[in-house]
Amino acid sequence: MRADGQILAGELVLIGNGKLYGGAVAVFPAADLQNGRLEVCLFPRVNFWRLLRCAPGLLVTQKLPEKLVRRIGAARLELTSEAPVAFELDGEWVGNLPATFFIAPQKLRVVVA
């Protein structure tokens, strides 16, 4: 992963610009919908035991244990992999890496009637 000049490696990457993920889970506590930046929650390693260690915190506090993840904010994020890796957007399969993510200001138009 390359994010604003930083290079990081991990096995699971969650990206958002709102505080919550999957309902009421505060995966991105520093997120701000109006600052033009994405928040990244990176799991350096993922296995059954690490995920199991996340469960109590998620169930009780609706938060991830900070010692198991690395968080950064970035205006632009590029994900790559040496092997073919699929990725999802909002729970839907979109394609394979490489992929670049950024916020495009004022691209979504909402009409309220």
PDB file of N, CA and C in Angstrom:
ATOM      1  N   MET A   1       0.845  -1.164   0.000  1.00  0.00           N
ATOM      2  CA  MET A   1       0.000   0.000   0.000  1.00  0.00           C
ATOM      3  C   MET A   1       0.894   1.231   0.000  1.00  0.00           C
ATOM      4  N   ARG A   2       0.574   2.165  -0.863  1.00  0.00           N
ATOM      5  CA  ARG A   2       1.259   3.459  -0.872  1.00  0.00           C
ATOM      6  C   ARG A   2       0.203   4.509  -0.546  1.00  0.00           C
ATOM      7  N   ALA A   3       0.459   5.275   0.494  1.00  0.00           N
ATOM      8  CA  ALA A   3      -0.492   6.294   0.929  1.00  0.00           C
ATOM      9  C   ALA A   3       0.259   7.584   1.225  1.00  0.00           C
ATOM     10  N   ASP A   4       0.042   8.585   0.386  1.00  0.00           N
ATOM     11  CA  ASP A   4       0.687   9.896   0.562  1.00  0.00           C
ATOM     12  C   ASP A   4       2.187   9.767   0.800  1.00  0.00           C
ATOM     13  N   GLY A   5       2.848   8.938  -0.001  1.00  0.00           N
ATOM     14  CA  GLY A   5       4.300   8.782   0.093  1.00  0.00           C
ATOM     15  C   GLY A   5       4.773   7.708   1.051  1.00  0.00           C
ATOM     16  N   GLN A   6       3.919   7.224   1.925  1.00  0.00           N
ATOM     17  CA  GLN A   6       4.284   6.138   2.839  1.00  0.00           C
ATOM     18  C   GLN A   6       4.043   4.802   2.145  1.00  0.00           C
ATOM     19  N   ILE A   7       4.912   3.835   2.416  1.00  0.00           N
ATOM     20  CA  ILE A   7       4.711   2.478   1.905  1.00  0.00           C
ATOM     21  C   ILE A   7       4.509   1.565   3.096  1.00  0.00           C
ATOM     22  N   LEU A   8       3.383   0.870   3.108  1.00  0.00           N
ATOM     23  CA  LEU A   8       3.022  -0.020   4.209  1.00  0.00           C
ATOM     24  C   LEU A   8       2.611  -1.369   3.634  1.00  0.00           C
ATOM     25  N   ALA A   9       2.787  -2.420   4.423  1.00  0.00           N
ATOM     26  CA  ALA A   9       2.378  -3.765   3.997  1.00  0.00           C
ATOM     27  C   ALA A   9       1.412  -4.337   5.023  1.00  0.00           C
ATOM     28  N   GLY A  10       0.465  -5.109   4.538  1.00  0.00           N
ATOM     29  CA  GLY A  10      -0.488  -5.750   5.428  1.00  0.00           C
ATOM     30  C   GLY A  10      -1.292  -6.794   4.677  1.00  0.00           C
ATOM     31  N   GLU A  11      -2.096  -7.525   5.423  1.00  0.00           N
ATOM     32  CA  GLU A  11      -2.889  -8.594   4.835  1.00  0.00           C
ATOM     33  C   GLU A  11      -4.360  -8.252   4.695  1.00  0.00           C
ATOM     34  N   LEU A  12      -4.827  -7.225   5.412  1.00  0.00           N
ATOM     35  CA  LEU A  12      -6.219  -6.789   5.312  1.00  0.00           C
ATOM     36  C   LEU A  12      -6.246  -5.278   5.452  1.00  0.00           C
ATOM     37  N   VAL A  13      -6.916  -4.622   4.509  1.00  0.00           N
ATOM     38  CA  VAL A  13      -6.997  -3.166   4.517  1.00  0.00           C
ATOM     39  C   VAL A  13      -8.466  -2.766   4.462  1.00  0.00           C
ATOM     40  N   LEU A  14      -8.884  -1.927   5.406  1.00  0.00           N
ATOM     41  CA  LEU A  14     -10.220  -1.351   5.398  1.00  0.00           C
ATOM     42  C   LEU A  14     -10.057   0.139   5.132  1.00  0.00           C
ATOM     43  N   ILE A  15     -10.876   0.684   4.244  1.00  0.00           N
ATOM     44  CA  ILE A  15     -10.779   2.089   3.852  1.00  0.00           C
ATOM     45  C   ILE A  15     -12.150   2.727   4.013  1.00  0.00           C
ATOM     46  N   GLY A  16     -12.180   3.917   4.592  1.00  0.00           N
ATOM     47  CA  GLY A  16     -13.453   4.623   4.740  1.00  0.00           C
ATOM     48  C   GLY A  16     -13.242   6.108   4.918  1.00  0.00           C
ATOM     49  N   ASN A  17     -14.345   6.856   4.843  1.00  0.00           N
ATOM     50  CA  ASN A  17     -14.256   8.264   5.185  1.00  0.00           C
ATOM     51  C   ASN A  17     -15.315   8.665   6.194  1.00  0.00           C
ATOM     52  N   GLY A  18     -16.057   7.695   6.690  1.00  0.00           N
ATOM     53  CA  GLY A  18     -16.977   7.900   7.813  1.00  0.00           C
ATOM     54  C   GLY A  18     -16.469   7.095   8.998  1.00  0.00           C
ATOM     55  N   LYS A  19     -16.903   7.409  10.190  1.00  0.00           N
ATOM     56  CA  LYS A  19     -16.395   6.756  11.400  1.00  0.00           C
ATOM     57  C   LYS A  19     -16.786   5.290  11.511  1.00  0.00           C
ATOM     58  N   LEU A  20     -17.961   4.938  10.982  1.00  0.00           N
ATOM     59  CA  LEU A  20     -18.511   3.597  11.204  1.00  0.00           C
ATOM     60  C   LEU A  20     -18.312   2.682  10.008  1.00  0.00           C
ATOM     61  N   TYR A  21     -18.259   1.376  10.303  1.00  0.00           N
ATOM     62  CA  TYR A  21     -18.080   0.352   9.273  1.00  0.00           C
ATOM     63  C   TYR A  21     -18.960  -0.821   9.651  1.00  0.00           C
ATOM     64  N   GLY A  22     -19.764  -1.290   8.740  1.00  0.00           N
ATOM     65  CA  GLY A  22     -20.592  -2.459   9.012  1.00  0.00           C
ATOM     66  C   GLY A  22     -21.603  -2.236  10.118  1.00  0.00           C
ATOM     67  N   GLY A  23     -22.197  -1.073  10.179  1.00  0.00           N
ATOM     68  CA  GLY A  23     -23.177  -0.779  11.223  1.00  0.00           C
ATOM     69  C   GLY A  23     -22.633   0.211  12.220  1.00  0.00           C
ATOM     70  N   ALA A  24     -22.556  -0.216  13.483  1.00  0.00           N
ATOM     71  CA  ALA A  24     -22.165   0.695  14.555  1.00  0.00           C
ATOM     72  C   ALA A  24     -20.718   0.518  15.005  1.00  0.00           C
ATOM     73  N   VAL A  25     -19.899  -0.159  14.239  1.00  0.00           N
ATOM     74  CA  VAL A  25     -18.509  -0.419  14.640  1.00  0.00           C
ATOM     75  C   VAL A  25     -17.639   0.764  14.220  1.00  0.00           C
ATOM     76  N   ALA A  26     -16.997   1.389  15.193  1.00  0.00           N
ATOM     77  CA  ALA A  26     -16.170   2.583  14.955  1.00  0.00           C
ATOM     78  C   ALA A  26     -14.777   2.170  14.482  1.00  0.00           C
ATOM     79  N   VAL A  27     -14.674   1.752  13.243  1.00  0.00           N
ATOM     80  CA  VAL A  27     -13.401   1.306  12.677  1.00  0.00           C
ATOM     81  C   VAL A  27     -12.512   2.499  12.332  1.00  0.00           C
ATOM     82  N   PHE A  28     -13.127   3.637  12.021  1.00  0.00           N
ATOM     83  CA  PHE A  28     -12.377   4.820  11.614  1.00  0.00           C
ATOM     84  C   PHE A  28     -12.678   5.992  12.558  1.00  0.00           C
ATOM     85  N   PRO A  29     -12.201   5.952  13.792  1.00  0.00           N
ATOM     86  CA  PRO A  29     -12.569   6.982  14.773  1.00  0.00           C
ATOM     87  C   PRO A  29     -12.104   8.388  14.406  1.00  0.00           C
ATOM     88  N   ALA A  30     -11.065   8.528  13.596  1.00  0.00           N
ATOM     89  CA  ALA A  30     -10.566   9.860  13.226  1.00  0.00           C
ATOM     90  C   ALA A  30     -11.202  10.388  11.939  1.00  0.00           C
ATOM     91  N   ALA A  31     -12.121   9.648  11.360  1.00  0.00           N
ATOM     92  CA  ALA A  31     -12.698  10.035  10.067  1.00  0.00           C
ATOM     93  C   ALA A  31     -13.518  11.314  10.165  1.00  0.00           C
ATOM     94  N   ASP A  32     -13.476  12.062   9.070  1.00  0.00           N
ATOM     95  CA  ASP A  32     -14.240  13.304   8.938  1.00  0.00           C
ATOM     96  C   ASP A  32     -14.764  13.339   7.508  1.00  0.00           C
ATOM     97  N   LEU A  33     -16.055  13.333   7.336  1.00  0.00           N
ATOM     98  CA  LEU A  33     -16.657  13.273   6.011  1.00  0.00           C
ATOM     99  C   LEU A  33     -16.339  14.489   5.138  1.00  0.00           C
ATOM    100  N   GLN A  34     -15.836  15.553   5.744  1.00  0.00           N
ATOM    101  CA  GLN A  34     -15.634  16.773   4.977  1.00  0.00           C
ATOM    102  C   GLN A  34     -14.181  17.178   4.794  1.00  0.00           C
ATOM    103  N   ASN A  35     -13.221  16.379   5.245  1.00  0.00           N
ATOM    104  CA  ASN A  35     -11.821  16.810   5.138  1.00  0.00           C
ATOM    105  C   ASN A  35     -11.129  16.337   3.859  1.00  0.00           C
ATOM    106  N   GLY A  36     -11.808  15.574   3.014  1.00  0.00           N
ATOM    107  CA  GLY A  36     -11.228  15.142   1.748  1.00  0.00           C
ATOM    108  C   GLY A  36     -10.190  14.042   1.874  1.00  0.00           C
ATOM    109  N   ARG A  37     -10.137  13.388   3.035  1.00  0.00           N
ATOM    110  CA  ARG A  37      -9.146  12.333   3.260  1.00  0.00           C
ATOM    111  C   ARG A  37      -9.837  11.014   3.559  1.00  0.00           C
ATOM    112  N   LEU A  38      -9.165   9.940   3.175  1.00  0.00           N
ATOM    113  CA  LEU A  38      -9.619   8.589   3.505  1.00  0.00           C
ATOM    114  C   LEU A  38      -8.918   8.136   4.768  1.00  0.00           C
ATOM    115  N   GLU A  39      -9.590   7.347   5.557  1.00  0.00           N
ATOM    116  CA  GLU A  39      -8.980   6.726   6.732  1.00  0.00           C
ATOM    117  C   GLU A  39      -8.728   5.267   6.409  1.00  0.00           C
ATOM    118  N   VAL A  40      -7.578   4.776   6.835  1.00  0.00           N
ATOM    119  CA  VAL A  40      -7.164   3.414   6.538  1.00  0.00           C
ATOM    120  C   VAL A  40      -6.917   2.673   7.844  1.00  0.00           C
ATOM    121  N   CYS A  41      -7.480   1.481   7.937  1.00  0.00           N
ATOM    122  CA  CYS A  41      -7.247   0.589   9.062  1.00  0.00           C
ATOM    123  C   CYS A  41      -6.564  -0.650   8.480  1.00  0.00           C
ATOM    124  N   LEU A  42      -5.295  -0.808   8.795  1.00  0.00           N
ATOM    125  CA  LEU A  42      -4.464  -1.864   8.210  1.00  0.00           C
ATOM    126  C   LEU A  42      -4.175  -2.940   9.251  1.00  0.00           C
ATOM    127  N   PHE A  43      -4.467  -4.172   8.897  1.00  0.00           N
ATOM    128  CA  PHE A  43      -4.099  -5.319   9.727  1.00  0.00           C
ATOM    129  C   PHE A  43      -2.812  -5.889   9.146  1.00  0.00           C
ATOM    130  N   PRO A  44      -1.678  -5.749   9.828  1.00  0.00           N
ATOM    131  CA  PRO A  44      -0.421  -6.278   9.289  1.00  0.00           C
ATOM    132  C   PRO A  44      -0.469  -7.789   9.055  1.00  0.00           C
ATOM    133  N   ARG A  45      -1.102  -8.509   9.953  1.00  0.00           N
ATOM    134  CA  ARG A  45      -1.257  -9.961   9.828  1.00  0.00           C
ATOM    135  C   ARG A  45      -2.706 -10.321  10.133  1.00  0.00           C
ATOM    136  N   VAL A  46      -3.216 -11.322   9.418  1.00  0.00           N
ATOM    137  CA  VAL A  46      -4.580 -11.789   9.664  1.00  0.00           C
ATOM    138  C   VAL A  46      -4.555 -13.301   9.736  1.00  0.00           C
ATOM    139  N   ASN A  47      -5.042 -13.820  10.843  1.00  0.00           N
ATOM    140  CA  ASN A  47      -5.263 -15.253  10.990  1.00  0.00           C
ATOM    141  C   ASN A  47      -6.406 -15.450  11.970  1.00  0.00           C
ATOM    142  N   PHE A  48      -6.799 -16.663  12.177  1.00  0.00           N
ATOM    143  CA  PHE A  48      -7.935 -16.949  13.041  1.00  0.00           C
ATOM    144  C   PHE A  48      -7.735 -16.378  14.439  1.00  0.00           C
ATOM    145  N   TRP A  49      -6.556 -16.529  15.026  1.00  0.00           N
ATOM    146  CA  TRP A  49      -6.306 -16.087  16.406  1.00  0.00           C
ATOM    147  C   TRP A  49      -6.325 -14.573  16.534  1.00  0.00           C
ATOM    148  N   ARG A  50      -5.788 -13.874  15.557  1.00  0.00           N
ATOM    149  CA  ARG A  50      -5.836 -12.402  15.597  1.00  0.00           C
ATOM    150  C   ARG A  50      -7.275 -11.903  15.485  1.00  0.00           C
ATOM    151  N   LEU A  51      -8.043 -12.510  14.596  1.00  0.00           N
ATOM    152  CA  LEU A  51      -9.439 -12.114  14.480  1.00  0.00           C
ATOM    153  C   LEU A  51     -10.219 -12.439  15.745  1.00  0.00           C
ATOM    154  N   LEU A  52      -9.901 -13.564  16.360  1.00  0.00           N
ATOM    155  CA  LEU A  52     -10.551 -13.934  17.616  1.00  0.00           C
ATOM    156  C   LEU A  52     -10.234 -12.912  18.709  1.00  0.00           C
ATOM    157  N   ARG A  53      -9.006 -12.379  18.708  1.00  0.00           N
ATOM    158  CA  ARG A  53      -8.624 -11.363  19.699  1.00  0.00           C
ATOM    159  C   ARG A  53      -9.393 -10.059  19.499  1.00  0.00           C
ATOM    160  N   CYS A  54      -9.903  -9.819  18.299  1.00  0.00           N
ATOM    161  CA  CYS A  54     -10.698  -8.618  18.028  1.00  0.00           C
ATOM    162  C   CYS A  54     -12.127  -8.741  18.560  1.00  0.00           C
ATOM    163  N   ALA A  55     -12.623  -9.961  18.671  1.00  0.00           N
ATOM    164  CA  ALA A  55     -14.029 -10.191  18.991  1.00  0.00           C
ATOM    165  C   ALA A  55     -14.495  -9.538  20.298  1.00  0.00           C
ATOM    166  N   PRO A  56     -13.797  -9.690  21.435  1.00  0.00           N
ATOM    167  CA  PRO A  56     -14.309  -9.078  22.665  1.00  0.00           C
ATOM    168  C   PRO A  56     -14.452  -7.559  22.556  1.00  0.00           C
ATOM    169  N   GLY A  57     -13.463  -6.897  21.988  1.00  0.00           N
ATOM    170  CA  GLY A  57     -13.546  -5.446  21.835  1.00  0.00           C
ATOM    171  C   GLY A  57     -14.683  -5.031  20.930  1.00  0.00           C
ATOM    172  N   LEU A  58     -14.859  -5.766  19.849  1.00  0.00           N
ATOM    173  CA  LEU A  58     -15.945  -5.443  18.932  1.00  0.00           C
ATOM    174  C   LEU A  58     -17.308  -5.630  19.589  1.00  0.00           C
ATOM    175  N   LEU A  59     -17.447  -6.699  20.343  1.00  0.00           N
ATOM    176  CA  LEU A  59     -18.731  -6.983  20.986  1.00  0.00           C
ATOM    177  C   LEU A  59     -19.046  -6.020  22.125  1.00  0.00           C
ATOM    178  N   VAL A  60     -18.046  -5.666  22.915  1.00  0.00           N
ATOM    179  CA  VAL A  60     -18.279  -4.842  24.104  1.00  0.00           C
ATOM    180  C   VAL A  60     -18.220  -3.352  23.789  1.00  0.00           C
ATOM    181  N   THR A  61     -17.193  -2.914  23.083  1.00  0.00           N
ATOM    182  CA  THR A  61     -16.987  -1.475  22.883  1.00  0.00           C
ATOM    183  C   THR A  61     -17.273  -0.996  21.464  1.00  0.00           C
ATOM    184  N   GLN A  62     -17.528  -1.921  20.547  1.00  0.00           N
ATOM    185  CA  GLN A  62     -17.741  -1.589  19.137  1.00  0.00           C
ATOM    186  C   GLN A  62     -16.495  -0.956  18.513  1.00  0.00           C
ATOM    187  N   LYS A  63     -15.308  -1.327  19.028  1.00  0.00           N
ATOM    188  CA  LYS A  63     -14.045  -0.798  18.519  1.00  0.00           C
ATOM    189  C   LYS A  63     -13.047  -1.930  18.339  1.00  0.00           C
ATOM    190  N   LEU A  64     -12.077  -1.721  17.464  1.00  0.00           N
ATOM    191  CA  LEU A  64     -10.994  -2.691  17.266  1.00  0.00           C
ATOM    192  C   LEU A  64      -9.883  -2.441  18.278  1.00  0.00           C
ATOM    193  N   PRO A  65      -9.200  -3.499  18.719  1.00  0.00           N
ATOM    194  CA  PRO A  65      -8.044  -3.311  19.612  1.00  0.00           C
ATOM    195  C   PRO A  65      -6.925  -2.578  18.853  1.00  0.00           C
ATOM    196  N   GLU A  66      -6.510  -1.433  19.344  1.00  0.00           N
ATOM    197  CA  GLU A  66      -5.537  -0.601  18.638  1.00  0.00           C
ATOM    198  C   GLU A  66      -4.184  -1.287  18.449  1.00  0.00           C
ATOM    199  N   LYS A  67      -3.828  -2.202  19.336  1.00  0.00           N
ATOM    200  CA  LYS A  67      -2.519  -2.855  19.202  1.00  0.00           C
ATOM    201  C   LYS A  67      -2.468  -3.859  18.045  1.00  0.00           C
ATOM    202  N   LEU A  68      -3.610  -4.191  17.449  1.00  0.00           N
ATOM    203  CA  LEU A  68      -3.645  -5.152  16.350  1.00  0.00           C
ATOM    204  C   LEU A  68      -3.716  -4.494  14.978  1.00  0.00           C
ATOM    205  N   VAL A  69      -3.923  -3.174  14.943  1.00  0.00           N
ATOM    206  CA  VAL A  69      -4.085  -2.485  13.669  1.00  0.00           C
ATOM    207  C   VAL A  69      -3.157  -1.285  13.578  1.00  0.00           C
ATOM    208  N   ARG A  70      -2.984  -0.808  12.368  1.00  0.00           N
ATOM    209  CA  ARG A  70      -2.253   0.438  12.139  1.00  0.00           C
ATOM    210  C   ARG A  70      -3.198   1.363  11.398  1.00  0.00           C
ATOM    211  N   ARG A  71      -3.262   2.612  11.818  1.00  0.00           N
ATOM    212  CA  ARG A  71      -4.184   3.572  11.215  1.00  0.00           C
ATOM    213  C   ARG A  71      -3.415   4.721  10.580  1.00  0.00           C
ATOM    214  N   ILE A  72      -3.859   5.131   9.418  1.00  0.00           N
ATOM    215  CA  ILE A  72      -3.309   6.325   8.783  1.00  0.00           C
ATOM    216  C   ILE A  72      -4.435   7.032   8.039  1.00  0.00           C
ATOM    217  N   GLY A  73      -4.231   8.281   7.759  1.00  0.00           N
ATOM    218  CA  GLY A  73      -5.128   9.047   6.914  1.00  0.00           C
ATOM    219  C   GLY A  73      -4.375   9.396   5.640  1.00  0.00           C
ATOM    220  N   ALA A  74      -5.082   9.452   4.526  1.00  0.00           N
ATOM    221  CA  ALA A  74      -4.415   9.746   3.252  1.00  0.00           C
ATOM    222  C   ALA A  74      -5.393  10.380   2.277  1.00  0.00           C
ATOM    223  N   ALA A  75      -4.878  11.284   1.451  1.00  0.00           N
ATOM    224  CA  ALA A  75      -5.689  11.877   0.393  1.00  0.00           C
ATOM    225  C   ALA A  75      -5.794  10.916  -0.792  1.00  0.00           C
ATOM    226  N   ARG A  76      -4.763  10.103  -0.980  1.00  0.00           N
ATOM    227  CA  ARG A  76      -4.720   9.151  -2.103  1.00  0.00           C
ATOM    228  C   ARG A  76      -4.082   7.855  -1.609  1.00  0.00           C
ATOM    229  N   LEU A  77      -4.619   6.740  -2.042  1.00  0.00           N
ATOM    230  CA  LEU A  77      -4.175   5.439  -1.577  1.00  0.00           C
ATOM    231  C   LEU A  77      -4.094   4.488  -2.759  1.00  0.00           C
ATOM    232  N   GLU A  78      -2.953   3.814  -2.906  1.00  0.00           N
ATOM    233  CA  GLU A  78      -2.775   2.825  -3.968  1.00  0.00           C
ATOM    234  C   GLU A  78      -2.519   1.469  -3.335  1.00  0.00           C
ATOM    235  N   LEU A  79      -3.305   0.478  -3.735  1.00  0.00           N
ATOM    236  CA  LEU A  79      -3.134  -0.884  -3.247  1.00  0.00           C
ATOM    237  C   LEU A  79      -2.594  -1.754  -4.371  1.00  0.00           C
ATOM    238  N   THR A  80      -1.564  -2.515  -4.061  1.00  0.00           N
ATOM    239  CA  THR A  80      -0.990  -3.445  -5.026  1.00  0.00           C
ATOM    240  C   THR A  80      -0.723  -4.769  -4.324  1.00  0.00           C
ATOM    241  N   SER A  81      -0.486  -5.794  -5.117  1.00  0.00           N
ATOM    242  CA  SER A  81      -0.163  -7.103  -4.578  1.00  0.00           C
ATOM    243  C   SER A  81       0.662  -7.869  -5.604  1.00  0.00           C
ATOM    244  N   GLU A  82       1.566  -8.700  -5.119  1.00  0.00           N
ATOM    245  CA  GLU A  82       2.355  -9.534  -6.023  1.00  0.00           C
ATOM    246  C   GLU A  82       1.509 -10.641  -6.642  1.00  0.00           C
ATOM    247  N   ALA A  83       0.518 -11.108  -5.898  1.00  0.00           N
ATOM    248  CA  ALA A  83      -0.389 -12.152  -6.380  1.00  0.00           C
ATOM    249  C   ALA A  83      -1.738 -11.519  -6.726  1.00  0.00           C
ATOM    250  N   PRO A  84      -2.539 -12.163  -7.564  1.00  0.00           N
ATOM    251  CA  PRO A  84      -3.872 -11.631  -7.862  1.00  0.00           C
ATOM    252  C   PRO A  84      -4.727 -11.579  -6.589  1.00  0.00           C
ATOM    253  N   VAL A  85      -5.274 -10.420  -6.298  1.00  0.00           N
ATOM    254  CA  VAL A  85      -6.100 -10.240  -5.100  1.00  0.00           C
ATOM    255  C   VAL A  85      -7.359  -9.477  -5.492  1.00  0.00           C
ATOM    256  N   ALA A  86      -8.513 -10.020  -5.144  1.00  0.00           N
ATOM    257  CA  ALA A  86      -9.784  -9.357  -5.403  1.00  0.00           C
ATOM    258  C   ALA A  86     -10.041  -8.316  -4.316  1.00  0.00           C
ATOM    259  N   PHE A  87     -10.860  -7.295  -4.650  1.00  0.00           N
ATOM    260  CA  PHE A  87     -11.262  -6.345  -3.622  1.00  0.00           C
ATOM    261  C   PHE A  87     -12.735  -6.016  -3.776  1.00  0.00           C
ATOM    262  N   GLU A  88     -13.297  -5.539  -2.673  1.00  0.00           N
ATOM    263  CA  GLU A  88     -14.721  -5.212  -2.612  1.00  0.00           C
ATOM    264  C   GLU A  88     -14.900  -3.734  -2.302  1.00  0.00           C
ATOM    265  N   LEU A  89     -15.997  -3.194  -2.767  1.00  0.00           N
ATOM    266  CA  LEU A  89     -16.442  -1.860  -2.386  1.00  0.00           C
ATOM    267  C   LEU A  89     -17.844  -2.010  -1.832  1.00  0.00           C
ATOM    268  N   ASP A  90     -18.015  -1.622  -0.598  1.00  0.00           N
ATOM    269  CA  ASP A  90     -19.318  -1.689   0.053  1.00  0.00           C
ATOM    270  C   ASP A  90     -19.927  -3.088  -0.035  1.00  0.00           C
ATOM    271  N   GLY A  91     -19.087  -4.115   0.122  1.00  0.00           N
ATOM    272  CA  GLY A  91     -19.558  -5.486   0.152  1.00  0.00           C
ATOM    273  C   GLY A  91     -19.739  -6.148  -1.202  1.00  0.00           C
ATOM    274  N   GLU A  92     -19.450  -5.429  -2.267  1.00  0.00           N
ATOM    275  CA  GLU A  92     -19.611  -5.978  -3.616  1.00  0.00           C
ATOM    276  C   GLU A  92     -18.244  -6.162  -4.270  1.00  0.00           C
ATOM    277  N   TRP A  93     -18.019  -7.316  -4.906  1.00  0.00           N
ATOM    278  CA  TRP A  93     -16.764  -7.550  -5.606  1.00  0.00           C
ATOM    279  C   TRP A  93     -16.690  -6.589  -6.781  1.00  0.00           C
ATOM    280  N   VAL A  94     -15.537  -5.913  -6.915  1.00  0.00           N
ATOM    281  CA  VAL A  94     -15.360  -4.908  -7.957  1.00  0.00           C
ATOM    282  C   VAL A  94     -14.314  -5.322  -8.974  1.00  0.00           C
ATOM    283  N   GLY A  95     -13.238  -5.909  -8.508  1.00  0.00           N
ATOM    284  CA  GLY A  95     -12.169  -6.272  -9.419  1.00  0.00           C
ATOM    285  C   GLY A  95     -10.964  -6.767  -8.661  1.00  0.00           C
ATOM    286  N   ASN A  96      -9.833  -6.723  -9.322  1.00  0.00           N
ATOM    287  CA  ASN A  96      -8.579  -7.174  -8.714  1.00  0.00           C
ATOM    288  C   ASN A  96      -7.612  -6.000  -8.589  1.00  0.00           C
ATOM    289  N   LEU A  97      -6.694  -6.137  -7.659  1.00  0.00           N
ATOM    290  CA  LEU A  97      -5.656  -5.124  -7.504  1.00  0.00           C
ATOM    291  C   LEU A  97      -4.757  -5.153  -8.719  1.00  0.00           C
ATOM    292  N   PRO A  98      -4.156  -4.062  -9.084  1.00  0.00           N
ATOM    293  CA  PRO A  98      -3.987  -2.819  -8.337  1.00  0.00           C
ATOM    294  C   PRO A  98      -5.226  -1.924  -8.430  1.00  0.00           C
ATOM    295  N   ALA A  99      -5.360  -1.042  -7.428  1.00  0.00           N
ATOM    296  CA  ALA A  99      -6.464  -0.087  -7.390  1.00  0.00           C
ATOM    297  C   ALA A  99      -5.990   1.182  -6.685  1.00  0.00           C
ATOM    298  N   THR A 100      -6.543   2.300  -7.114  1.00  0.00           N
ATOM    299  CA  THR A 100      -6.245   3.589  -6.505  1.00  0.00           C
ATOM    300  C   THR A 100      -7.527   4.174  -5.950  1.00  0.00           C
ATOM    301  N   PHE A 101      -7.459   4.719  -4.732  1.00  0.00           N
ATOM    302  CA  PHE A 101      -8.622   5.280  -4.058  1.00  0.00           C
ATOM    303  C   PHE A 101      -8.341   6.732  -3.690  1.00  0.00           C
ATOM    304  N   PHE A 102      -9.348   7.572  -3.871  1.00  0.00           N
ATOM    305  CA  PHE A 102      -9.271   8.967  -3.457  1.00  0.00           C
ATOM    306  C   PHE A 102     -10.695   9.503  -3.405  1.00  0.00           C
ATOM    307  N   ILE A 103     -10.870  10.641  -2.788  1.00  0.00           N
ATOM    308  CA  ILE A 103     -12.181  11.267  -2.714  1.00  0.00           C
ATOM    309  C   ILE A 103     -12.280  12.290  -3.832  1.00  0.00           C
ATOM    310  N   ALA A 104     -13.318  12.189  -4.623  1.00  0.00           N
ATOM    311  CA  ALA A 104     -13.582  13.144  -5.697  1.00  0.00           C
ATOM    312  C   ALA A 104     -14.630  14.132  -5.174  1.00  0.00           C
ATOM    313  N   PRO A 105     -14.224  15.332  -4.822  1.00  0.00           N
ATOM    314  CA  PRO A 105     -15.148  16.300  -4.218  1.00  0.00           C
ATOM    315  C   PRO A 105     -16.342  16.621  -5.123  1.00  0.00           C
ATOM    316  N   GLN A 106     -17.496  16.661  -4.517  1.00  0.00           N
ATOM    317  CA  GLN A 106     -18.753  17.073  -5.143  1.00  0.00           C
ATOM    318  C   GLN A 106     -19.120  16.254  -6.372  1.00  0.00           C
ATOM    319  N   LYS A 107     -18.778  14.972  -6.403  1.00  0.00           N
ATOM    320  CA  LYS A 107     -19.128  14.110  -7.526  1.00  0.00           C
ATOM    321  C   LYS A 107     -20.472  13.398  -7.351  1.00  0.00           C
ATOM    322  N   LEU A 108     -20.962  13.353  -6.125  1.00  0.00           N
ATOM    323  CA  LEU A 108     -22.247  12.700  -5.863  1.00  0.00           C
ATOM    324  C   LEU A 108     -23.302  13.774  -5.649  1.00  0.00           C
ATOM    325  N   ARG A 109     -24.320  13.711  -6.456  1.00  0.00           N
ATOM    326  CA  ARG A 109     -25.390  14.683  -6.346  1.00  0.00           C
ATOM    327  C   ARG A 109     -26.577  14.022  -5.660  1.00  0.00           C
ATOM    328  N   VAL A 110     -27.081  14.637  -4.631  1.00  0.00           N
ATOM    329  CA  VAL A 110     -28.216  14.097  -3.875  1.00  0.00           C
ATOM    330  C   VAL A 110     -29.399  15.035  -4.024  1.00  0.00           C
ATOM    331  N   VAL A 111     -30.525  14.471  -4.411  1.00  0.00           N
ATOM    332  CA  VAL A 111     -31.749  15.251  -4.550  1.00  0.00           C
ATOM    333  C   VAL A 111     -32.733  14.759  -3.497  1.00  0.00           C
ATOM    334  N   VAL A 112     -33.219  15.661  -2.682  1.00  0.00           N
ATOM    335  CA  VAL A 112     -34.193  15.315  -1.642  1.00  0.00           C
ATOM    336  C   VAL A 112     -35.526  15.934  -2.015  1.00  0.00           C
ATOM    337  N   ALA A 113     -36.548  15.087  -2.068  1.00  0.00           N
ATOM    338  CA  ALA A 113     -37.876  15.588  -2.440  1.00  0.00           C
ATOM    339  C   ALA A 113     -38.794  15.633  -1.244  1.00  0.00           C
TER     340      ALA A 113
END
